Amino acid sequence: MNEPDPITPASNENHIGDSPLEWVAGELDRLRASSACIDHMATAPDYDEGAMARAIHCLGFALPRHFTDEGNTIFPLLRMGANRDDDLENVLNELSENHGLISVKIGQILPRLSALKIVELAPVVDPQLCDELIDLAERGRRHLALMTAIVLPIARVRLRPSDLNSLRQELMARRNQA
């Protein structure tokens, strides 16, 4: 069975609908598939135009937009709605720090990937880049795991209908659906 292509929009990828948290869960799945693509590309001996395009799209567009969704909308809503007993602040702080670390790494990696794309060379020609890509994908997976295992379950319990509507509106506005 083929995995969904993370660069080709699925019919619901940009349609938020009435369940913004379910849409966010789908977004996490798409980003997880992109991490697997980046891992594959980092170890593949041959240039793969599709994988390169998916990686550049993910790193240059999808991941930064997702970080904006989290940092500007999801995390603030959770900070307002969570109970002290949820002990969520440390997780949200760690995820926010990851945004910064991953963004710096993306800034270092993306120009090199773009240069390799122009000359149609696989990242394997630059062993340091391969190591950085693998590290980036691993950091991304850890980030996605925290979101999936801790943040989304608490959000499902703590966010009120008005919070979910705000989240939906913000996500839609970032995707020009408002």
N, C-alpha and C. Protein backbone atom coordinates (compact mmCIF):
# COMPACT_ATOMS: atom_id res chain seq x y z
N MET A 1 0.84 -1.19 0.00
CA MET A 1 0.00 0.00 0.00
C MET A 1 0.88 1.24 0.00
N ASN A 2 0.59 2.20 -0.85
CA ASN A 2 1.37 3.43 -0.94
C ASN A 2 0.96 4.40 0.16
N GLU A 3 1.98 5.08 0.71
CA GLU A 3 1.68 6.13 1.68
C GLU A 3 1.23 7.37 0.94
N PRO A 4 0.38 8.20 1.56
CA PRO A 4 -0.03 9.43 0.89
C PRO A 4 1.16 10.32 0.62
N ASP A 5 1.13 10.96 -0.51
CA ASP A 5 2.18 11.89 -0.90
C ASP A 5 2.00 13.17 -0.08
N PRO A 6 2.95 13.52 0.81
CA PRO A 6 2.75 14.67 1.68
C PRO A 6 2.79 16.02 0.98
N ILE A 7 3.18 16.07 -0.30
CA ILE A 7 3.19 17.35 -0.98
C ILE A 7 1.92 17.58 -1.79
N THR A 8 1.27 16.51 -2.18
CA THR A 8 0.04 16.64 -2.96
C THR A 8 -1.12 16.77 -2.01
N PRO A 9 -1.83 17.90 -2.05
CA PRO A 9 -2.92 18.09 -1.08
C PRO A 9 -3.99 17.02 -1.21
N ALA A 10 -4.32 16.40 -0.09
CA ALA A 10 -5.46 15.49 -0.06
C ALA A 10 -6.72 16.35 -0.10
N SER A 11 -7.82 15.72 -0.37
CA SER A 11 -9.05 16.49 -0.52
C SER A 11 -9.39 17.28 0.74
N ASN A 12 -8.95 16.81 1.92
CA ASN A 12 -9.28 17.52 3.15
C ASN A 12 -8.08 18.22 3.78
N GLU A 13 -6.93 18.23 3.13
CA GLU A 13 -5.74 18.80 3.75
C GLU A 13 -5.91 20.25 4.14
N ASN A 14 -6.54 21.03 3.29
CA ASN A 14 -6.72 22.45 3.59
C ASN A 14 -8.15 22.77 4.01
N HIS A 15 -9.00 21.77 4.11
CA HIS A 15 -10.38 22.00 4.54
C HIS A 15 -10.47 21.69 6.03
N ILE A 16 -10.59 22.73 6.82
CA ILE A 16 -10.57 22.57 8.28
C ILE A 16 -11.85 21.91 8.78
N GLY A 17 -12.98 22.28 8.24
CA GLY A 17 -14.24 21.68 8.67
C GLY A 17 -14.63 22.10 10.07
N ASP A 18 -15.49 21.29 10.70
CA ASP A 18 -16.01 21.61 12.02
C ASP A 18 -15.18 21.04 13.16
N SER A 19 -14.19 20.23 12.86
CA SER A 19 -13.36 19.59 13.89
C SER A 19 -11.90 20.01 13.73
N PRO A 20 -11.56 21.19 14.22
CA PRO A 20 -10.18 21.65 14.01
C PRO A 20 -9.13 20.76 14.66
N LEU A 21 -9.46 20.14 15.79
CA LEU A 21 -8.46 19.27 16.42
C LEU A 21 -8.23 18.00 15.61
N GLU A 22 -9.28 17.50 14.97
CA GLU A 22 -9.10 16.34 14.09
C GLU A 22 -8.28 16.74 12.87
N TRP A 23 -8.49 17.95 12.39
CA TRP A 23 -7.69 18.43 11.27
C TRP A 23 -6.22 18.55 11.69
N VAL A 24 -5.97 19.07 12.90
CA VAL A 24 -4.60 19.19 13.40
C VAL A 24 -3.97 17.80 13.51
N ALA A 25 -4.73 16.81 13.98
CA ALA A 25 -4.22 15.44 14.05
C ALA A 25 -3.82 14.95 12.65
N GLY A 26 -4.62 15.25 11.65
CA GLY A 26 -4.28 14.89 10.28
C GLY A 26 -3.03 15.61 9.80
N GLU A 27 -2.89 16.88 10.19
CA GLU A 27 -1.70 17.64 9.84
C GLU A 27 -0.45 17.00 10.47
N LEU A 28 -0.57 16.54 11.70
CA LEU A 28 0.55 15.86 12.35
C LEU A 28 0.93 14.60 11.58
N ASP A 29 -0.07 13.87 11.10
CA ASP A 29 0.20 12.68 10.29
C ASP A 29 0.92 13.04 9.00
N ARG A 30 0.48 14.12 8.34
CA ARG A 30 1.14 14.56 7.10
C ARG A 30 2.60 14.95 7.37
N LEU A 31 2.84 15.64 8.48
CA LEU A 31 4.20 16.04 8.82
C LEU A 31 5.05 14.82 9.19
N ARG A 32 4.42 13.82 9.82
CA ARG A 32 5.14 12.58 10.13
C ARG A 32 5.57 11.88 8.83
N ALA A 33 4.69 11.87 7.83
CA ALA A 33 5.05 11.29 6.53
C ALA A 33 6.18 12.08 5.88
N SER A 34 6.17 13.40 6.05
CA SER A 34 7.25 14.22 5.51
C SER A 34 8.57 13.91 6.20
N SER A 35 8.54 13.65 7.50
CA SER A 35 9.76 13.28 8.22
C SER A 35 10.32 11.97 7.68
N ALA A 36 9.45 11.01 7.39
CA ALA A 36 9.90 9.75 6.82
C ALA A 36 10.51 9.98 5.43
N CYS A 37 9.91 10.88 4.67
CA CYS A 37 10.44 11.21 3.35
C CYS A 37 11.83 11.83 3.47
N ILE A 38 12.02 12.71 4.45
CA ILE A 38 13.32 13.35 4.66
C ILE A 38 14.36 12.30 5.06
N ASP A 39 13.98 11.38 5.93
CA ASP A 39 14.89 10.28 6.30
C ASP A 39 15.30 9.48 5.07
N HIS A 40 14.33 9.12 4.27
CA HIS A 40 14.61 8.33 3.06
C HIS A 40 15.55 9.09 2.13
N MET A 41 15.25 10.35 1.92
CA MET A 41 16.05 11.16 1.01
C MET A 41 17.50 11.29 1.51
N ALA A 42 17.67 11.37 2.83
CA ALA A 42 19.01 11.54 3.40
C ALA A 42 19.88 10.30 3.21
N THR A 43 19.26 9.16 3.00
CA THR A 43 20.04 7.92 2.87
C THR A 43 19.99 7.33 1.47
N ALA A 44 19.20 7.91 0.59
CA ALA A 44 19.06 7.38 -0.77
C ALA A 44 20.30 7.70 -1.60
N PRO A 45 20.81 6.72 -2.34
CA PRO A 45 22.02 6.97 -3.14
C PRO A 45 21.76 7.81 -4.39
N ASP A 46 20.51 7.84 -4.85
CA ASP A 46 20.19 8.54 -6.09
C ASP A 46 19.26 9.73 -5.83
N TYR A 47 19.36 10.71 -6.71
CA TYR A 47 18.50 11.88 -6.64
C TYR A 47 17.06 11.46 -6.89
N ASP A 48 16.16 11.94 -6.04
CA ASP A 48 14.73 11.67 -6.17
C ASP A 48 14.02 13.02 -6.21
N GLU A 49 13.61 13.41 -7.41
CA GLU A 49 13.00 14.73 -7.59
C GLU A 49 11.76 14.91 -6.72
N GLY A 50 10.91 13.89 -6.63
CA GLY A 50 9.70 13.98 -5.81
C GLY A 50 10.01 14.15 -4.33
N ALA A 51 10.95 13.35 -3.84
CA ALA A 51 11.32 13.45 -2.42
C ALA A 51 11.93 14.81 -2.12
N MET A 52 12.76 15.31 -3.04
CA MET A 52 13.38 16.62 -2.84
C MET A 52 12.30 17.71 -2.79
N ALA A 53 11.34 17.64 -3.72
CA ALA A 53 10.26 18.63 -3.73
C ALA A 53 9.43 18.56 -2.45
N ARG A 54 9.14 17.35 -1.98
CA ARG A 54 8.36 17.19 -0.74
C ARG A 54 9.13 17.76 0.45
N ALA A 55 10.43 17.47 0.51
CA ALA A 55 11.24 17.95 1.64
C ALA A 55 11.31 19.48 1.63
N ILE A 56 11.54 20.06 0.47
CA ILE A 56 11.64 21.52 0.38
C ILE A 56 10.30 22.16 0.72
N HIS A 57 9.19 21.57 0.26
CA HIS A 57 7.86 22.09 0.59
C HIS A 57 7.62 22.00 2.10
N CYS A 58 7.93 20.86 2.68
CA CYS A 58 7.71 20.68 4.11
C CYS A 58 8.54 21.67 4.93
N LEU A 59 9.84 21.74 4.63
CA LEU A 59 10.73 22.59 5.43
C LEU A 59 10.51 24.07 5.17
N GLY A 60 10.18 24.44 3.95
CA GLY A 60 10.05 25.85 3.62
C GLY A 60 8.66 26.42 3.81
N PHE A 61 7.65 25.54 3.90
CA PHE A 61 6.29 26.04 3.96
C PHE A 61 5.43 25.35 5.03
N ALA A 62 5.26 24.04 4.92
CA ALA A 62 4.31 23.34 5.79
C ALA A 62 4.72 23.40 7.26
N LEU A 63 5.98 23.12 7.55
CA LEU A 63 6.42 23.11 8.94
C LEU A 63 6.41 24.51 9.56
N PRO A 64 6.92 25.54 8.88
CA PRO A 64 6.82 26.88 9.48
C PRO A 64 5.37 27.32 9.73
N ARG A 65 4.47 26.99 8.80
CA ARG A 65 3.06 27.35 9.01
C ARG A 65 2.49 26.58 10.19
N HIS A 66 2.86 25.32 10.32
CA HIS A 66 2.40 24.51 11.45
C HIS A 66 2.91 25.11 12.77
N PHE A 67 4.17 25.53 12.80
CA PHE A 67 4.71 26.15 14.01
C PHE A 67 3.94 27.43 14.35
N THR A 68 3.54 28.18 13.34
CA THR A 68 2.73 29.37 13.58
C THR A 68 1.37 28.98 14.16
N ASP A 69 0.77 27.92 13.61
CA ASP A 69 -0.51 27.42 14.15
C ASP A 69 -0.37 27.10 15.63
N GLU A 70 0.71 26.39 15.96
CA GLU A 70 0.90 26.00 17.36
C GLU A 70 1.21 27.21 18.24
N GLY A 71 2.22 27.97 17.86
CA GLY A 71 2.69 29.06 18.72
C GLY A 71 1.73 30.22 18.86
N ASN A 72 1.00 30.53 17.80
CA ASN A 72 0.12 31.70 17.84
C ASN A 72 -1.32 31.38 18.21
N THR A 73 -1.72 30.12 18.10
CA THR A 73 -3.12 29.79 18.32
C THR A 73 -3.31 28.64 19.31
N ILE A 74 -2.77 27.47 19.00
CA ILE A 74 -3.05 26.29 19.82
C ILE A 74 -2.49 26.46 21.23
N PHE A 75 -1.22 26.82 21.35
CA PHE A 75 -0.61 26.94 22.67
C PHE A 75 -1.27 28.02 23.52
N PRO A 76 -1.53 29.22 22.99
CA PRO A 76 -2.21 30.22 23.82
C PRO A 76 -3.60 29.77 24.29
N LEU A 77 -4.35 29.12 23.41
CA LEU A 77 -5.67 28.61 23.82
C LEU A 77 -5.54 27.58 24.93
N LEU A 78 -4.55 26.71 24.81
CA LEU A 78 -4.35 25.70 25.85
C LEU A 78 -3.90 26.33 27.16
N ARG A 79 -3.05 27.33 27.08
CA ARG A 79 -2.61 27.99 28.32
C ARG A 79 -3.79 28.63 29.05
N MET A 80 -4.75 29.12 28.30
CA MET A 80 -5.93 29.72 28.93
C MET A 80 -6.90 28.66 29.45
N GLY A 81 -6.97 27.50 28.78
CA GLY A 81 -7.98 26.51 29.13
C GLY A 81 -7.53 25.36 30.00
N ALA A 82 -6.23 25.16 30.11
CA ALA A 82 -5.73 24.01 30.87
C ALA A 82 -5.82 24.25 32.37
N ASN A 83 -5.94 23.18 33.12
CA ASN A 83 -5.88 23.24 34.58
C ASN A 83 -4.42 23.14 35.02
N ARG A 84 -4.14 23.66 36.20
CA ARG A 84 -2.77 23.54 36.72
C ARG A 84 -2.37 22.08 36.84
N ASP A 85 -3.33 21.22 37.16
CA ASP A 85 -3.04 19.79 37.32
C ASP A 85 -2.61 19.14 36.00
N ASP A 86 -2.92 19.77 34.87
CA ASP A 86 -2.52 19.21 33.58
C ASP A 86 -1.01 19.23 33.40
N ASP A 87 -0.32 20.11 34.14
CA ASP A 87 1.14 20.23 34.07
C ASP A 87 1.61 20.34 32.62
N LEU A 88 0.93 21.19 31.89
CA LEU A 88 1.16 21.32 30.46
C LEU A 88 2.22 22.37 30.11
N GLU A 89 2.46 23.29 31.00
CA GLU A 89 3.35 24.42 30.70
C GLU A 89 4.75 23.97 30.28
N ASN A 90 5.31 22.97 30.97
CA ASN A 90 6.65 22.50 30.61
C ASN A 90 6.67 21.90 29.21
N VAL A 91 5.64 21.17 28.86
CA VAL A 91 5.56 20.56 27.52
C VAL A 91 5.44 21.66 26.46
N LEU A 92 4.57 22.64 26.71
CA LEU A 92 4.40 23.73 25.74
C LEU A 92 5.68 24.54 25.60
N ASN A 93 6.39 24.75 26.70
CA ASN A 93 7.67 25.46 26.62
C ASN A 93 8.69 24.66 25.82
N GLU A 94 8.74 23.34 26.04
CA GLU A 94 9.67 22.51 25.28
C GLU A 94 9.33 22.54 23.78
N LEU A 95 8.05 22.45 23.47
CA LEU A 95 7.65 22.50 22.06
C LEU A 95 7.98 23.85 21.44
N SER A 96 7.78 24.92 22.19
CA SER A 96 8.11 26.26 21.68
C SER A 96 9.62 26.39 21.44
N GLU A 97 10.42 25.87 22.37
CA GLU A 97 11.87 25.87 22.16
C GLU A 97 12.24 25.06 20.92
N ASN A 98 11.55 23.94 20.71
CA ASN A 98 11.80 23.13 19.51
C ASN A 98 11.50 23.91 18.25
N HIS A 99 10.47 24.75 18.28
CA HIS A 99 10.17 25.59 17.11
C HIS A 99 11.40 26.39 16.72
N GLY A 100 12.01 27.01 17.72
CA GLY A 100 13.19 27.83 17.45
C GLY A 100 14.37 27.01 16.95
N LEU A 101 14.65 25.89 17.62
CA LEU A 101 15.79 25.05 17.22
C LEU A 101 15.59 24.48 15.82
N ILE A 102 14.40 23.97 15.56
CA ILE A 102 14.12 23.38 14.25
C ILE A 102 14.15 24.47 13.18
N SER A 103 13.64 25.64 13.48
CA SER A 103 13.64 26.73 12.50
C SER A 103 15.07 27.14 12.13
N VAL A 104 15.96 27.18 13.11
CA VAL A 104 17.37 27.50 12.83
C VAL A 104 17.96 26.42 11.92
N LYS A 105 17.71 25.16 12.24
CA LYS A 105 18.22 24.07 11.42
C LYS A 105 17.67 24.14 10.00
N ILE A 106 16.38 24.46 9.88
CA ILE A 106 15.78 24.59 8.55
C ILE A 106 16.50 25.69 7.77
N GLY A 107 16.79 26.81 8.43
CA GLY A 107 17.50 27.90 7.77
C GLY A 107 18.88 27.50 7.27
N GLN A 108 19.51 26.55 7.94
CA GLN A 108 20.82 26.07 7.52
C GLN A 108 20.72 25.02 6.42
N ILE A 109 19.67 24.23 6.44
CA ILE A 109 19.52 23.09 5.53
C ILE A 109 18.86 23.47 4.21
N LEU A 110 17.84 24.29 4.27
CA LEU A 110 17.02 24.58 3.08
C LEU A 110 17.82 25.14 1.90
N PRO A 111 18.72 26.10 2.11
CA PRO A 111 19.49 26.59 0.96
C PRO A 111 20.36 25.50 0.31
N ARG A 112 20.88 24.60 1.14
CA ARG A 112 21.71 23.53 0.59
C ARG A 112 20.87 22.52 -0.19
N LEU A 113 19.66 22.23 0.31
CA LEU A 113 18.77 21.35 -0.45
C LEU A 113 18.37 21.99 -1.77
N SER A 114 18.07 23.27 -1.72
CA SER A 114 17.68 23.98 -2.95
C SER A 114 18.80 23.96 -3.98
N ALA A 115 20.04 24.12 -3.51
CA ALA A 115 21.18 24.07 -4.43
C ALA A 115 21.33 22.68 -5.03
N LEU A 116 21.13 21.63 -4.22
CA LEU A 116 21.21 20.27 -4.75
C LEU A 116 20.09 19.99 -5.74
N LYS A 117 18.93 20.57 -5.50
CA LYS A 117 17.80 20.39 -6.42
C LYS A 117 18.14 20.96 -7.80
N ILE A 118 18.76 22.11 -7.82
CA ILE A 118 19.10 22.77 -9.09
C ILE A 118 20.01 21.88 -9.93
N VAL A 119 20.98 21.23 -9.30
CA VAL A 119 21.93 20.39 -10.05
C VAL A 119 21.54 18.91 -10.03
N GLU A 120 20.37 18.62 -9.44
CA GLU A 120 19.81 17.26 -9.39
C GLU A 120 20.78 16.25 -8.78
N LEU A 121 21.28 16.61 -7.59
CA LEU A 121 22.15 15.71 -6.84
C LEU A 121 21.45 15.30 -5.54
N ALA A 122 21.66 14.06 -5.16
CA ALA A 122 21.12 13.56 -3.90
C ALA A 122 21.92 14.12 -2.73
N PRO A 123 21.29 14.30 -1.58
CA PRO A 123 22.00 14.80 -0.40
C PRO A 123 23.19 13.94 0.00
N VAL A 124 23.23 12.68 -0.44
CA VAL A 124 24.32 11.78 -0.07
C VAL A 124 25.69 12.33 -0.46
N VAL A 125 25.75 13.28 -1.39
CA VAL A 125 27.03 13.89 -1.78
C VAL A 125 27.58 14.76 -0.66
N ASP A 126 26.75 15.10 0.32
CA ASP A 126 27.16 15.94 1.45
C ASP A 126 26.83 15.19 2.75
N PRO A 127 27.76 14.35 3.24
CA PRO A 127 27.47 13.54 4.43
C PRO A 127 27.02 14.36 5.64
N GLN A 128 27.57 15.56 5.81
CA GLN A 128 27.14 16.40 6.93
C GLN A 128 25.67 16.80 6.77
N LEU A 129 25.26 17.12 5.56
CA LEU A 129 23.85 17.45 5.30
C LEU A 129 22.97 16.25 5.60
N CYS A 130 23.40 15.07 5.21
CA CYS A 130 22.62 13.86 5.50
C CYS A 130 22.42 13.70 7.00
N ASP A 131 23.48 13.88 7.77
CA ASP A 131 23.37 13.78 9.23
C ASP A 131 22.41 14.84 9.77
N GLU A 132 22.49 16.05 9.24
CA GLU A 132 21.61 17.12 9.69
C GLU A 132 20.15 16.82 9.33
N LEU A 133 19.92 16.26 8.16
CA LEU A 133 18.55 15.90 7.76
C LEU A 133 17.98 14.82 8.67
N ILE A 134 18.79 13.81 8.97
CA ILE A 134 18.33 12.74 9.85
C ILE A 134 18.03 13.29 11.24
N ASP A 135 18.91 14.16 11.75
CA ASP A 135 18.68 14.78 13.05
C ASP A 135 17.41 15.63 13.04
N LEU A 136 17.22 16.39 11.97
CA LEU A 136 16.03 17.23 11.85
C LEU A 136 14.76 16.38 11.83
N ALA A 137 14.78 15.30 11.07
CA ALA A 137 13.61 14.42 11.01
C ALA A 137 13.33 13.81 12.38
N GLU A 138 14.37 13.43 13.11
CA GLU A 138 14.19 12.86 14.44
C GLU A 138 13.62 13.90 15.41
N ARG A 139 14.14 15.11 15.37
CA ARG A 139 13.59 16.19 16.21
C ARG A 139 12.12 16.44 15.87
N GLY A 140 11.82 16.42 14.58
CA GLY A 140 10.45 16.61 14.15
C GLY A 140 9.53 15.51 14.67
N ARG A 141 9.99 14.27 14.60
CA ARG A 141 9.17 13.16 15.11
C ARG A 141 8.93 13.27 16.61
N ARG A 142 9.95 13.69 17.36
CA ARG A 142 9.77 13.86 18.81
C ARG A 142 8.73 14.95 19.07
N HIS A 143 8.84 16.03 18.33
CA HIS A 143 7.88 17.13 18.46
C HIS A 143 6.46 16.63 18.16
N LEU A 144 6.32 15.91 17.08
CA LEU A 144 5.00 15.39 16.68
C LEU A 144 4.47 14.40 17.71
N ALA A 145 5.37 13.60 18.29
CA ALA A 145 4.94 12.64 19.31
C ALA A 145 4.39 13.36 20.55
N LEU A 146 5.06 14.43 20.99
CA LEU A 146 4.56 15.19 22.13
C LEU A 146 3.20 15.82 21.82
N MET A 147 3.07 16.33 20.63
CA MET A 147 1.78 16.93 20.23
C MET A 147 0.68 15.86 20.23
N THR A 148 0.99 14.70 19.68
CA THR A 148 -0.02 13.64 19.55
C THR A 148 -0.36 13.00 20.89
N ALA A 149 0.66 12.73 21.70
CA ALA A 149 0.44 11.98 22.94
C ALA A 149 -0.01 12.84 24.11
N ILE A 150 0.39 14.11 24.14
CA ILE A 150 0.10 14.94 25.31
C ILE A 150 -0.80 16.12 24.98
N VAL A 151 -0.41 16.91 24.00
CA VAL A 151 -1.11 18.17 23.75
C VAL A 151 -2.52 17.94 23.20
N LEU A 152 -2.66 17.14 22.16
CA LEU A 152 -3.99 16.95 21.57
C LEU A 152 -4.99 16.31 22.55
N PRO A 153 -4.61 15.27 23.30
CA PRO A 153 -5.59 14.73 24.26
C PRO A 153 -6.06 15.76 25.29
N ILE A 154 -5.14 16.59 25.77
CA ILE A 154 -5.55 17.62 26.73
C ILE A 154 -6.41 18.66 26.03
N ALA A 155 -6.06 19.02 24.81
CA ALA A 155 -6.86 20.00 24.07
C ALA A 155 -8.28 19.49 23.86
N ARG A 156 -8.43 18.21 23.57
CA ARG A 156 -9.76 17.64 23.35
C ARG A 156 -10.64 17.74 24.59
N VAL A 157 -10.01 17.70 25.76
CA VAL A 157 -10.76 17.76 27.02
C VAL A 157 -10.96 19.20 27.49
N ARG A 158 -9.95 20.04 27.31
CA ARG A 158 -9.96 21.37 27.93
C ARG A 158 -10.51 22.50 27.05
N LEU A 159 -10.37 22.39 25.75
CA LEU A 159 -10.81 23.51 24.91
C LEU A 159 -12.34 23.53 24.81
N ARG A 160 -12.89 24.70 25.03
CA ARG A 160 -14.33 24.90 24.97
C ARG A 160 -14.76 25.09 23.51
N PRO A 161 -16.05 24.99 23.25
CA PRO A 161 -16.52 25.22 21.87
C PRO A 161 -16.07 26.58 21.31
N SER A 162 -16.05 27.61 22.14
CA SER A 162 -15.60 28.93 21.65
C SER A 162 -14.11 28.90 21.31
N ASP A 163 -13.32 28.15 22.09
CA ASP A 163 -11.89 27.99 21.78
C ASP A 163 -11.71 27.26 20.46
N LEU A 164 -12.48 26.20 20.27
CA LEU A 164 -12.39 25.42 19.03
C LEU A 164 -12.80 26.26 17.83
N ASN A 165 -13.80 27.11 18.02
CA ASN A 165 -14.20 27.99 16.93
C ASN A 165 -13.10 29.00 16.62
N SER A 166 -12.46 29.53 17.65
CA SER A 166 -11.32 30.44 17.43
C SER A 166 -10.19 29.73 16.70
N LEU A 167 -9.90 28.51 17.13
CA LEU A 167 -8.85 27.73 16.47
C LEU A 167 -9.21 27.51 15.00
N ARG A 168 -10.43 27.10 14.77
CA ARG A 168 -10.88 26.86 13.39
C ARG A 168 -10.74 28.12 12.54
N GLN A 169 -11.17 29.26 13.07
CA GLN A 169 -11.09 30.52 12.33
C GLN A 169 -9.64 30.90 12.02
N GLU A 170 -8.76 30.74 13.00
CA GLU A 170 -7.34 31.08 12.80
C GLU A 170 -6.69 30.16 11.75
N LEU A 171 -6.98 28.86 11.85
CA LEU A 171 -6.42 27.92 10.88
C LEU A 171 -6.93 28.25 9.47
N MET A 172 -8.21 28.55 9.38
CA MET A 172 -8.79 28.88 8.07
C MET A 172 -8.19 30.18 7.51
N ALA A 173 -8.00 31.16 8.36
CA ALA A 173 -7.44 32.44 7.90
C ALA A 173 -6.03 32.24 7.36
N ARG A 174 -5.24 31.37 8.02
CA ARG A 174 -3.89 31.10 7.52
C ARG A 174 -3.90 30.35 6.20
N ARG A 175 -5.03 29.74 5.89
CA ARG A 175 -5.16 28.97 4.66
C ARG A 175 -6.11 29.64 3.68
N ASN A 176 -6.36 30.92 3.93
CA ASN A 176 -7.22 31.73 3.05
C ASN A 176 -8.60 31.15 2.82
N GLN A 177 -9.22 30.63 3.88
CA GLN A 177 -10.56 30.07 3.79
C GLN A 177 -11.59 30.90 4.54
N ALA A 178 -11.15 31.95 5.17
CA ALA A 178 -12.07 32.73 6.03
C ALA A 178 -13.14 33.42 5.22
